Amino acid sequence: MPEPVRARAGFRDEAARRHGSLNTISRRLFAAFPRAFKYPPVPLAVGIGRELCQLMRPEFKAAEIRVFLHAWTSGPRYLKAVARGEMRRNLDGSPAGVPEAEHRAAARQQLRAMGHSPPGRVGS
């Protein structure tokens, strides 16, 4: 097999492996923490990644959890919840404060960059 073809095949294999890993982590987190990982998404407590890395070790590597959290928190539904100022949640679903104004503004900016209309605020 020519080198460029082999390189593309390796890239596809790696992408498929990463996608499968994200699905595995997603299913596990949805089952273990249904009040934090659900649809529609809720904003997560600041620093929740460190807690997840400790709780999910050795089942998942910290890097895998960070990749999942980046994908989860970059989705338009999650960003809309942050932009609206919905309550942040701990893993058990308990309140963890509302998103800071700078986080809400960043979420609105990301949504615009993605071609989505930012939502109004909660209660407006």
Protein backbone atom coordinates (compact mmCIF):
# COMPACT_ATOMS: atom_id res chain seq x y z
CA MET A 1 0.00 0.00 0.00
CA PRO A 2 1.46 3.43 -0.92
CA GLU A 3 2.56 5.58 2.03
CA PRO A 4 -0.14 8.34 1.71
CA VAL A 5 -2.89 5.70 1.58
CA ARG A 6 -1.45 3.94 4.61
CA ALA A 7 -1.23 7.27 6.47
CA ARG A 8 -4.89 8.08 5.70
CA ALA A 9 -5.94 4.61 6.86
CA GLY A 10 -4.02 5.11 10.11
CA PHE A 11 -5.74 8.45 10.63
CA ARG A 12 -9.17 6.85 10.10
CA ASP A 13 -8.30 4.04 12.51
CA GLU A 14 -7.21 6.54 15.17
CA ALA A 15 -10.34 8.65 14.65
CA ALA A 16 -12.55 5.55 14.95
CA ARG A 17 -10.73 4.52 18.13
CA ARG A 18 -11.18 7.98 19.64
CA HIS A 19 -14.86 8.08 18.66
CA GLY A 20 -15.41 4.65 20.25
CA SER A 21 -13.64 5.81 23.40
CA LEU A 22 -15.83 8.93 23.58
CA ASN A 23 -18.95 6.78 23.24
CA THR A 24 -17.73 4.48 26.02
CA ILE A 25 -16.96 7.40 28.35
CA SER A 26 -20.24 9.07 27.46
CA ARG A 27 -22.30 5.98 28.28
CA ARG A 28 -20.41 5.48 31.54
CA LEU A 29 -20.80 9.10 32.69
CA PHE A 30 -24.47 9.26 31.70
CA ALA A 31 -25.08 6.11 33.77
CA ALA A 32 -22.96 7.15 36.77
CA PHE A 33 -23.97 10.83 36.93
CA PRO A 34 -27.44 11.17 35.36
CA ARG A 35 -28.13 14.54 37.00
CA ALA A 36 -25.02 16.13 35.51
CA PHE A 37 -24.83 14.39 32.12
CA LYS A 38 -28.25 14.48 30.52
CA TYR A 39 -30.29 16.04 27.77
CA PRO A 40 -30.86 18.87 27.60
CA PRO A 41 -27.37 19.53 28.99
CA VAL A 42 -26.85 21.58 32.13
CA PRO A 43 -23.79 23.72 32.82
CA LEU A 44 -21.26 21.79 34.87
CA ALA A 45 -19.52 23.00 38.01
CA VAL A 46 -16.20 24.72 37.43
CA GLY A 47 -13.37 22.25 38.09
CA ILE A 48 -15.54 19.17 37.60
CA GLY A 49 -12.92 17.69 35.27
CA ARG A 50 -10.44 17.15 38.11
CA GLU A 51 -13.10 15.39 40.16
CA LEU A 52 -14.09 13.17 37.22
CA CYS A 53 -10.46 12.25 36.56
CA GLN A 54 -10.07 11.11 40.18
CA LEU A 55 -13.36 9.24 40.29
CA MET A 56 -13.02 7.50 36.92
CA ARG A 57 -9.39 6.43 37.31
CA PRO A 58 -8.13 3.81 36.35
CA GLU A 59 -11.10 3.01 34.09
CA PHE A 60 -10.34 6.05 31.91
CA LYS A 61 -7.23 8.13 31.39
CA ALA A 62 -7.37 11.80 32.37
CA ALA A 63 -6.71 12.75 28.74
CA GLU A 64 -9.74 10.74 27.59
CA ILE A 65 -11.97 12.47 30.13
CA ARG A 66 -10.64 15.89 29.07
CA VAL A 67 -11.39 15.09 25.41
CA PHE A 68 -14.93 14.01 26.34
CA LEU A 69 -15.51 17.14 28.46
CA HIS A 70 -14.23 19.38 25.67
CA ALA A 71 -16.63 17.74 23.20
CA TRP A 72 -19.52 17.92 25.69
CA THR A 73 -18.97 21.54 26.71
CA SER A 74 -18.42 22.68 23.10
CA GLY A 75 -21.81 21.50 21.90
CA PRO A 76 -24.43 24.10 21.00
CA ARG A 77 -27.01 22.80 23.49
CA TYR A 78 -24.50 23.01 26.35
CA LEU A 79 -23.33 26.46 25.25
CA LYS A 80 -26.92 27.69 25.08
CA ALA A 81 -27.49 26.56 28.68
CA VAL A 82 -24.39 28.48 29.78
CA ALA A 83 -25.38 31.54 27.71
CA ARG A 84 -28.83 31.54 29.36
CA GLY A 85 -27.17 31.53 32.79
CA GLU A 86 -28.70 28.24 33.90
CA MET A 87 -27.50 26.88 37.23
CA ARG A 88 -24.22 24.96 37.13
CA ARG A 89 -24.44 21.45 38.57
CA ASN A 90 -22.13 19.18 40.54
CA LEU A 91 -21.95 15.50 39.62
CA ASP A 92 -24.81 14.71 42.04
CA GLY A 93 -26.97 17.41 40.45
CA SER A 94 -26.69 19.82 43.37
CA PRO A 95 -26.42 23.53 42.50
CA ALA A 96 -22.93 24.92 41.93
CA GLY A 97 -23.68 28.57 41.14
CA VAL A 98 -24.61 30.33 37.93
CA PRO A 99 -22.11 30.86 35.13
CA GLU A 100 -20.06 34.05 35.47
CA ALA A 101 -20.87 36.88 33.07
CA GLU A 102 -17.61 36.27 31.19
CA HIS A 103 -18.51 32.57 30.71
CA ARG A 104 -21.98 33.51 29.43
CA ALA A 105 -20.43 36.03 27.01
CA ALA A 106 -17.86 33.46 25.80
CA ALA A 107 -20.66 30.92 25.22
CA ARG A 108 -22.65 33.48 23.19
CA GLN A 109 -19.53 34.26 21.14
CA GLN A 110 -18.87 30.55 20.46
CA LEU A 111 -22.49 30.05 19.42
CA ARG A 112 -22.28 32.96 16.97
CA ALA A 113 -19.02 31.54 15.56
CA MET A 114 -20.82 28.22 15.03
CA GLY A 115 -23.69 29.97 13.22
CA HIS A 116 -26.18 29.58 16.09
CA SER A 117 -28.27 32.35 17.58
CA PRO A 118 -27.53 32.88 21.26
CA PRO A 119 -30.58 32.38 23.48
CA GLY A 120 -32.10 34.92 25.81
CA ARG A 121 -31.42 34.78 29.53
CA VAL A 122 -33.23 32.51 31.96
CA GLY A 123 -36.40 34.24 33.09
CA SER A 124 -36.42 36.72 30.21
